PDB file of all heavy atoms in Angstrom:
ATOM      1  N   ILE A   1      -2.144  -0.500  -1.295  1.00  0.00           N
ATOM      2  CA  ILE A   1      -1.311  -1.554  -1.964  1.00  0.00           C
ATOM      3  C   ILE A   1      -0.945  -2.609  -0.998  1.00  0.00           C
ATOM      4  O   ILE A   1      -0.655  -2.489   0.236  1.00  0.00           O
ATOM      5  CB  ILE A   1       0.060  -0.787  -2.273  1.00  0.00           C
ATOM      6  CG1 ILE A   1      -0.164   0.614  -3.133  1.00  0.00           C
ATOM      7  CG2 ILE A   1       0.993  -1.596  -2.967  1.00  0.00           C
ATOM      8  CD1 ILE A   1      -0.688   0.298  -4.591  1.00  0.00           C
ATOM      9  N   VAL A   2      -0.874  -3.870  -1.683  1.00  0.00           N
ATOM     10  CA  VAL A   2      -0.423  -5.134  -0.985  1.00  0.00           C
ATOM     11  C   VAL A   2       0.826  -5.451  -1.731  1.00  0.00           C
ATOM     12  O   VAL A   2       0.902  -5.598  -2.923  1.00  0.00           O
ATOM     13  CB  VAL A   2      -1.450  -6.114  -0.997  1.00  0.00           C
ATOM     14  CG1 VAL A   2      -0.822  -7.407  -0.503  1.00  0.00           C
ATOM     15  CG2 VAL A   2      -2.683  -5.766  -0.321  1.00  0.00           C
ATOM     16  N   LEU A   3       1.935  -5.661  -0.917  1.00  0.00           N
ATOM     17  CA  LEU A   3       3.277  -6.154  -1.450  1.00  0.00           C
ATOM     18  C   LEU A   3       3.439  -7.566  -0.909  1.00  0.00           C
ATOM     19  O   LEU A   3       3.270  -7.765   0.326  1.00  0.00           O
ATOM     20  CB  LEU A   3       4.331  -5.202  -0.973  1.00  0.00           C
ATOM     21  CG  LEU A   3       4.209  -3.718  -1.202  1.00  0.00           C
ATOM     22  CD1 LEU A   3       5.219  -2.925  -0.333  1.00  0.00           C
ATOM     23  CD2 LEU A   3       4.390  -3.582  -2.693  1.00  0.00           C
ATOM     24  N   GLU A   4       3.802  -8.512  -1.838  1.00  0.00           N
ATOM     25  CA  GLU A   4       3.998  -9.892  -1.339  1.00  0.00           C
ATOM     26  C   GLU A   4       5.257 -10.449  -2.128  1.00  0.00           C
ATOM     27  O   GLU A   4       5.468 -10.295  -3.301  1.00  0.00           O
ATOM     28  CB  GLU A   4       2.825 -10.734  -1.824  1.00  0.00           C
ATOM     29  CG  GLU A   4       1.515 -10.246  -1.187  1.00  0.00           C
ATOM     30  CD  GLU A   4       0.295 -11.099  -1.730  1.00  0.00           C
ATOM     31  OE1 GLU A   4      -0.124 -10.754  -2.781  1.00  0.00           O
ATOM     32  OE2 GLU A   4      -0.062 -11.987  -0.983  1.00  0.00           O
ATOM     33  N   ILE A   5       6.155 -11.075  -1.151  1.00  0.00           N
ATOM     34  CA  ILE A   5       7.301 -11.774  -1.762  1.00  0.00           C
ATOM     35  C   ILE A   5       7.570 -12.835  -0.723  1.00  0.00           C
ATOM     36  O   ILE A   5       7.501 -12.625   0.530  1.00  0.00           O
ATOM     37  CB  ILE A   5       8.451 -10.807  -2.024  1.00  0.00           C
ATOM     38  CG1 ILE A   5       9.500 -11.566  -2.812  1.00  0.00           C
ATOM     39  CG2 ILE A   5       8.914 -10.150  -0.806  1.00  0.00           C
ATOM     40  CD1 ILE A   5      10.556 -10.638  -3.365  1.00  0.00           C
ATOM     41  N   GLU A   6       8.020 -13.967  -1.175  1.00  0.00           N
ATOM     42  CA  GLU A   6       8.584 -15.112  -0.289  1.00  0.00           C
ATOM     43  C   GLU A   6       7.704 -15.233   0.984  1.00  0.00           C
ATOM     44  O   GLU A   6       8.293 -15.295   2.188  1.00  0.00           O
ATOM     45  CB  GLU A   6      10.044 -14.931   0.081  1.00  0.00           C
ATOM     46  CG  GLU A   6      10.892 -14.986  -1.117  1.00  0.00           C
ATOM     47  CD  GLU A   6      12.361 -15.005  -0.702  1.00  0.00           C
ATOM     48  OE1 GLU A   6      12.767 -14.868   0.300  1.00  0.00           O
ATOM     49  OE2 GLU A   6      13.216 -15.028  -1.777  1.00  0.00           O
ATOM     50  N   ASN A   7       6.393 -15.474   0.733  1.00  0.00           N
ATOM     51  CA  ASN A   7       5.502 -15.602   1.962  1.00  0.00           C
ATOM     52  C   ASN A   7       5.390 -14.563   2.937  1.00  0.00           C
ATOM     53  O   ASN A   7       5.072 -14.781   4.100  1.00  0.00           O
ATOM     54  CB  ASN A   7       5.794 -17.004   2.641  1.00  0.00           C
ATOM     55  CG  ASN A   7       5.576 -18.244   1.767  1.00  0.00           C
ATOM     56  OD1 ASN A   7       4.726 -18.152   0.977  1.00  0.00           O
ATOM     57  ND2 ASN A   7       6.556 -19.116   1.901  1.00  0.00           N
ATOM     58  N   GLN A   8       5.806 -13.297   2.588  1.00  0.00           N
ATOM     59  CA  GLN A   8       5.607 -12.219   3.316  1.00  0.00           C
ATOM     60  C   GLN A   8       4.694 -11.242   2.715  1.00  0.00           C
ATOM     61  O   GLN A   8       4.657 -11.101   1.343  1.00  0.00           O
ATOM     62  CB  GLN A   8       7.105 -11.380   3.441  1.00  0.00           C
ATOM     63  CG  GLN A   8       8.142 -12.261   4.012  1.00  0.00           C
ATOM     64  CD  GLN A   8       9.392 -11.640   3.997  1.00  0.00           C
ATOM     65  OE1 GLN A   8       9.867 -10.679   4.749  1.00  0.00           O
ATOM     66  NE2 GLN A   8      10.323 -12.190   3.048  1.00  0.00           N
ATOM     67  N   ARG A   9       3.812 -10.627   3.491  1.00  0.00           N
ATOM     68  CA  ARG A   9       2.816  -9.801   2.960  1.00  0.00           C
ATOM     69  C   ARG A   9       2.629  -8.420   3.735  1.00  0.00           C
ATOM     70  O   ARG A   9       2.577  -8.612   4.915  1.00  0.00           O
ATOM     71  CB  ARG A   9       1.374 -10.488   3.016  1.00  0.00           C
ATOM     72  CG  ARG A   9       0.293  -9.808   2.376  1.00  0.00           C
ATOM     73  CD  ARG A   9      -1.053 -10.653   2.530  1.00  0.00           C
ATOM     74  NE  ARG A   9      -2.163 -10.099   1.748  1.00  0.00           N
ATOM     75  CZ  ARG A   9      -3.039  -9.194   2.049  1.00  0.00           C
ATOM     76  NH1 ARG A   9      -2.900  -8.572   3.284  1.00  0.00           N
ATOM     77  NH2 ARG A   9      -3.898  -8.800   1.420  1.00  0.00           N
ATOM     78  N   ILE A  10       2.728  -7.389   3.080  1.00  0.00           N
ATOM     79  CA  ILE A  10       2.623  -6.004   3.754  1.00  0.00           C
ATOM     80  C   ILE A  10       1.608  -5.134   3.017  1.00  0.00           C
ATOM     81  O   ILE A  10       1.597  -5.242   1.845  1.00  0.00           O
ATOM     82  CB  ILE A  10       4.007  -5.387   3.955  1.00  0.00           C
ATOM     83  CG1 ILE A  10       5.009  -6.279   4.706  1.00  0.00           C
ATOM     84  CG2 ILE A  10       3.815  -3.965   4.558  1.00  0.00           C
ATOM     85  CD1 ILE A  10       6.411  -5.647   4.767  1.00  0.00           C
ATOM     86  N   GLU A  11       0.787  -4.422   3.750  1.00  0.00           N
ATOM     87  CA  GLU A  11      -0.155  -3.485   3.194  1.00  0.00           C
ATOM     88  C   GLU A  11       0.200  -1.991   3.509  1.00  0.00           C
ATOM     89  O   GLU A  11       0.705  -1.831   4.608  1.00  0.00           O
ATOM     90  CB  GLU A  11      -1.575  -3.698   3.755  1.00  0.00           C
ATOM     91  CG  GLU A  11      -2.061  -5.023   3.271  1.00  0.00           C
ATOM     92  CD  GLU A  11      -3.508  -5.219   3.838  1.00  0.00           C
ATOM     93  OE1 GLU A  11      -4.118  -4.081   4.273  1.00  0.00           O
ATOM     94  OE2 GLU A  11      -4.035  -6.314   3.793  1.00  0.00           O
ATOM     95  N   THR A  12       0.038  -1.156   2.600  1.00  0.00           N
ATOM     96  CA  THR A  12       0.111   0.265   2.908  1.00  0.00           C
ATOM     97  C   THR A  12      -1.118   0.711   3.617  1.00  0.00           C
ATOM     98  O   THR A  12      -2.197  -0.011   3.779  1.00  0.00           O
ATOM     99  CB  THR A  12       0.212   1.162   1.636  1.00  0.00           C
ATOM    100  OG1 THR A  12      -0.976   1.045   0.889  1.00  0.00           O
ATOM    101  CG2 THR A  12       1.380   0.806   0.731  1.00  0.00           C
ATOM    102  N   ASN A  13      -1.196   1.883   4.151  1.00  0.00           N
ATOM    103  CA  ASN A  13      -2.416   2.582   4.693  1.00  0.00           C
ATOM    104  C   ASN A  13      -3.315   2.738   3.422  1.00  0.00           C
ATOM    105  O   ASN A  13      -2.876   2.952   2.330  1.00  0.00           O
ATOM    106  CB  ASN A  13      -2.152   3.869   5.396  1.00  0.00           C
ATOM    107  CG  ASN A  13      -1.466   3.571   6.641  1.00  0.00           C
ATOM    108  OD1 ASN A  13      -1.735   2.670   7.475  1.00  0.00           O
ATOM    109  ND2 ASN A  13      -0.366   4.376   6.754  1.00  0.00           N
ATOM    110  N   TYR A  14      -4.664   2.715   3.639  1.00  0.00           N
ATOM    111  CA  TYR A  14      -5.628   3.134   2.519  1.00  0.00           C
ATOM    112  C   TYR A  14      -5.716   4.692   2.550  1.00  0.00           C
ATOM    113  O   TYR A  14      -5.621   5.278   3.510  1.00  0.00           O
ATOM    114  CB  TYR A  14      -6.867   2.408   2.601  1.00  0.00           C
ATOM    115  CG  TYR A  14      -7.848   2.952   3.368  1.00  0.00           C
ATOM    116  CD1 TYR A  14      -8.855   3.786   2.967  1.00  0.00           C
ATOM    117  CD2 TYR A  14      -8.079   2.586   4.867  1.00  0.00           C
ATOM    118  CE1 TYR A  14      -9.979   4.181   3.754  1.00  0.00           C
ATOM    119  CE2 TYR A  14      -9.111   3.015   5.646  1.00  0.00           C
ATOM    120  CZ  TYR A  14     -10.029   3.779   5.070  1.00  0.00           C
ATOM    121  OH  TYR A  14     -10.952   4.458   5.889  1.00  0.00           O
ATOM    122  N   LYS A  15      -5.983   5.160   1.410  1.00  0.00           N
ATOM    123  CA  LYS A  15      -6.212   6.583   1.137  1.00  0.00           C
ATOM    124  C   LYS A  15      -7.752   6.721   0.780  1.00  0.00           C
ATOM    125  O   LYS A  15      -8.141   6.194  -0.198  1.00  0.00           O
ATOM    126  CB  LYS A  15      -5.248   7.159   0.139  1.00  0.00           C
ATOM    127  CG  LYS A  15      -3.785   6.928   0.452  1.00  0.00           C
ATOM    128  CD  LYS A  15      -3.455   7.771   1.673  1.00  0.00           C
ATOM    129  CE  LYS A  15      -1.944   7.610   2.091  1.00  0.00           C
ATOM    130  NZ  LYS A  15      -1.689   8.481   3.217  1.00  0.00           N
ATOM    131  N   LYS A  16      -8.350   7.689   1.375  1.00  0.00           N
ATOM    132  CA  LYS A  16      -9.834   7.842   1.341  1.00  0.00           C
ATOM    133  C   LYS A  16     -10.106   8.680   0.104  1.00  0.00           C
ATOM    134  O   LYS A  16      -9.562   9.839  -0.085  1.00  0.00           O
ATOM    135  CB  LYS A  16     -10.470   8.438   2.531  1.00  0.00           C
ATOM    136  CG  LYS A  16     -11.924   8.540   2.509  1.00  0.00           C
ATOM    137  CD  LYS A  16     -12.468   8.210   3.856  1.00  0.00           C
ATOM    138  CE  LYS A  16     -14.042   8.181   3.926  1.00  0.00           C
ATOM    139  NZ  LYS A  16     -14.706   7.081   3.189  1.00  0.00           N
ATOM    140  N   SER A  17     -11.064   8.299  -0.716  1.00  0.00           N
ATOM    141  CA  SER A  17     -11.676   9.118  -1.816  1.00  0.00           C
ATOM    142  C   SER A  17     -10.704   9.734  -2.719  1.00  0.00           C
ATOM    143  O   SER A  17     -10.578  10.982  -2.905  1.00  0.00           O
ATOM    144  CB  SER A  17     -12.614  10.167  -1.152  1.00  0.00           C
ATOM    145  OG  SER A  17     -13.537   9.476  -0.517  1.00  0.00           O
ATOM    146  N   THR A  18      -9.832   8.988  -3.326  1.00  0.00           N
ATOM    147  CA  THR A  18      -8.941   9.704  -4.288  1.00  0.00           C
ATOM    148  C   THR A  18      -8.575   8.639  -5.394  1.00  0.00           C
ATOM    149  O   THR A  18      -8.564   7.427  -5.233  1.00  0.00           O
ATOM    150  CB  THR A  18      -7.481   9.990  -3.522  1.00  0.00           C
ATOM    151  OG1 THR A  18      -6.635  10.632  -4.569  1.00  0.00           O
ATOM    152  CG2 THR A  18      -6.833   8.790  -2.989  1.00  0.00           C
ATOM    153  N   LEU A  19      -8.183   9.162  -6.562  1.00  0.00           N
ATOM    154  CA  LEU A  19      -7.740   8.452  -7.626  1.00  0.00           C
ATOM    155  C   LEU A  19      -6.097   8.648  -7.942  1.00  0.00           C
ATOM    156  O   LEU A  19      -5.609   7.933  -8.913  1.00  0.00           O
ATOM    157  CB  LEU A  19      -8.547   8.710  -8.912  1.00  0.00           C
ATOM    158  CG  LEU A  19     -10.050   8.500  -9.011  1.00  0.00           C
ATOM    159  CD1 LEU A  19     -10.686   9.008 -10.188  1.00  0.00           C
ATOM    160  CD2 LEU A  19     -10.266   7.053  -8.678  1.00  0.00           C
ATOM    161  N   SER A  20      -5.566   9.510  -7.194  1.00  0.00           N
ATOM    162  CA  SER A  20      -4.198   9.624  -7.328  1.00  0.00           C
ATOM    163  C   SER A  20      -3.558   9.746  -5.819  1.00  0.00           C
ATOM    164  O   SER A  20      -3.126  10.798  -5.431  1.00  0.00           O
ATOM    165  CB  SER A  20      -3.918  11.004  -8.039  1.00  0.00           C
ATOM    166  OG  SER A  20      -4.412  10.887  -9.347  1.00  0.00           O
ATOM    167  N   PRO A  21      -3.506   8.534  -5.161  1.00  0.00           N
ATOM    168  CA  PRO A  21      -3.111   8.563  -3.794  1.00  0.00           C
ATOM    169  C   PRO A  21      -1.519   8.767  -3.649  1.00  0.00           C
ATOM    170  O   PRO A  21      -0.745   8.389  -4.638  1.00  0.00           O
ATOM    171  CB  PRO A  21      -3.468   7.164  -3.389  1.00  0.00           C
ATOM    172  CG  PRO A  21      -3.363   6.413  -4.572  1.00  0.00           C
ATOM    173  CD  PRO A  21      -3.890   7.402  -5.717  1.00  0.00           C
ATOM    174  N   VAL A  22      -1.102   9.438  -2.591  1.00  0.00           N
ATOM    175  CA  VAL A  22       0.396   9.479  -2.155  1.00  0.00           C
ATOM    176  C   VAL A  22       0.463   8.753  -0.844  1.00  0.00           C
ATOM    177  O   VAL A  22      -0.160   9.116   0.082  1.00  0.00           O
ATOM    178  CB  VAL A  22       0.691  10.973  -2.187  1.00  0.00           C
ATOM    179  CG1 VAL A  22       2.032  11.070  -1.724  1.00  0.00           C
ATOM    180  CG2 VAL A  22       0.542  11.736  -3.464  1.00  0.00           C
ATOM    181  N   TRP A  23       1.427   7.714  -0.834  1.00  0.00           N
ATOM    182  CA  TRP A  23       1.583   7.024   0.285  1.00  0.00           C
ATOM    183  C   TRP A  23       3.016   7.446   1.021  1.00  0.00           C
ATOM    184  O   TRP A  23       3.031   7.604   2.198  1.00  0.00           O
ATOM    185  CB  TRP A  23       1.672   5.626   0.128  1.00  0.00           C
ATOM    186  CG  TRP A  23       0.409   4.942  -0.044  1.00  0.00           C
ATOM    187  CD1 TRP A  23      -0.533   4.753   0.708  1.00  0.00           C
ATOM    188  CD2 TRP A  23      -0.243   4.617  -1.541  1.00  0.00           C
ATOM    189  NE1 TRP A  23      -1.642   4.086   0.160  1.00  0.00           N
ATOM    190  CE2 TRP A  23      -1.508   4.105  -1.183  1.00  0.00           C
ATOM    191  CE3 TRP A  23       0.197   4.630  -2.819  1.00  0.00           C
ATOM    192  CZ2 TRP A  23      -2.268   3.726  -2.318  1.00  0.00           C
ATOM    193  CZ3 TRP A  23      -0.602   4.232  -3.788  1.00  0.00           C
ATOM    194  CH2 TRP A  23      -1.844   3.865  -3.461  1.00  0.00           C
ATOM    195  N   ASN A  24       4.202   7.522   0.297  1.00  0.00           N
ATOM    196  CA  ASN A  24       5.371   7.696   0.828  1.00  0.00           C
ATOM    197  C   ASN A  24       5.711   6.777   2.022  1.00  0.00           C
ATOM    198  O   ASN A  24       6.109   7.293   3.049  1.00  0.00           O
ATOM    199  CB  ASN A  24       5.667   9.128   1.212  1.00  0.00           C
ATOM    200  CG  ASN A  24       6.079   9.963   0.040  1.00  0.00           C
ATOM    201  OD1 ASN A  24       6.806   9.467  -0.895  1.00  0.00           O
ATOM    202  ND2 ASN A  24       5.564  11.230  -0.025  1.00  0.00           N
ATOM    203  N   GLU A  25       5.428   5.424   1.876  1.00  0.00           N
ATOM    204  CA  GLU A  25       5.716   4.493   2.872  1.00  0.00           C
ATOM    205  C   GLU A  25       6.690   3.459   2.408  1.00  0.00           C
ATOM    206  O   GLU A  25       6.922   3.065   1.263  1.00  0.00           O
ATOM    207  CB  GLU A  25       4.428   3.663   3.109  1.00  0.00           C
ATOM    208  CG  GLU A  25       3.334   4.587   3.659  1.00  0.00           C
ATOM    209  CD  GLU A  25       2.105   3.672   3.857  1.00  0.00           C
ATOM    210  OE1 GLU A  25       2.091   2.623   4.439  1.00  0.00           O
ATOM    211  OE2 GLU A  25       0.940   4.305   3.746  1.00  0.00           O
ATOM    212  N   SER A  26       7.640   3.216   3.285  1.00  0.00           N
ATOM    213  CA  SER A  26       8.760   2.172   3.026  1.00  0.00           C
ATOM    214  C   SER A  26       8.643   0.956   3.760  1.00  0.00           C
ATOM    215  O   SER A  26       8.170   1.030   5.028  1.00  0.00           O
ATOM    216  CB  SER A  26      10.143   2.873   3.397  1.00  0.00           C
ATOM    217  OG  SER A  26      10.390   3.798   2.573  1.00  0.00           O
TER     218      SER A  26
END
């Protein structure tokens, strides 16, 4: 996932080989 707001951009880690990923990242 890429989150963008007010010229700030943050990415989650990527999850390998899944169609239902769980991140639990803040």
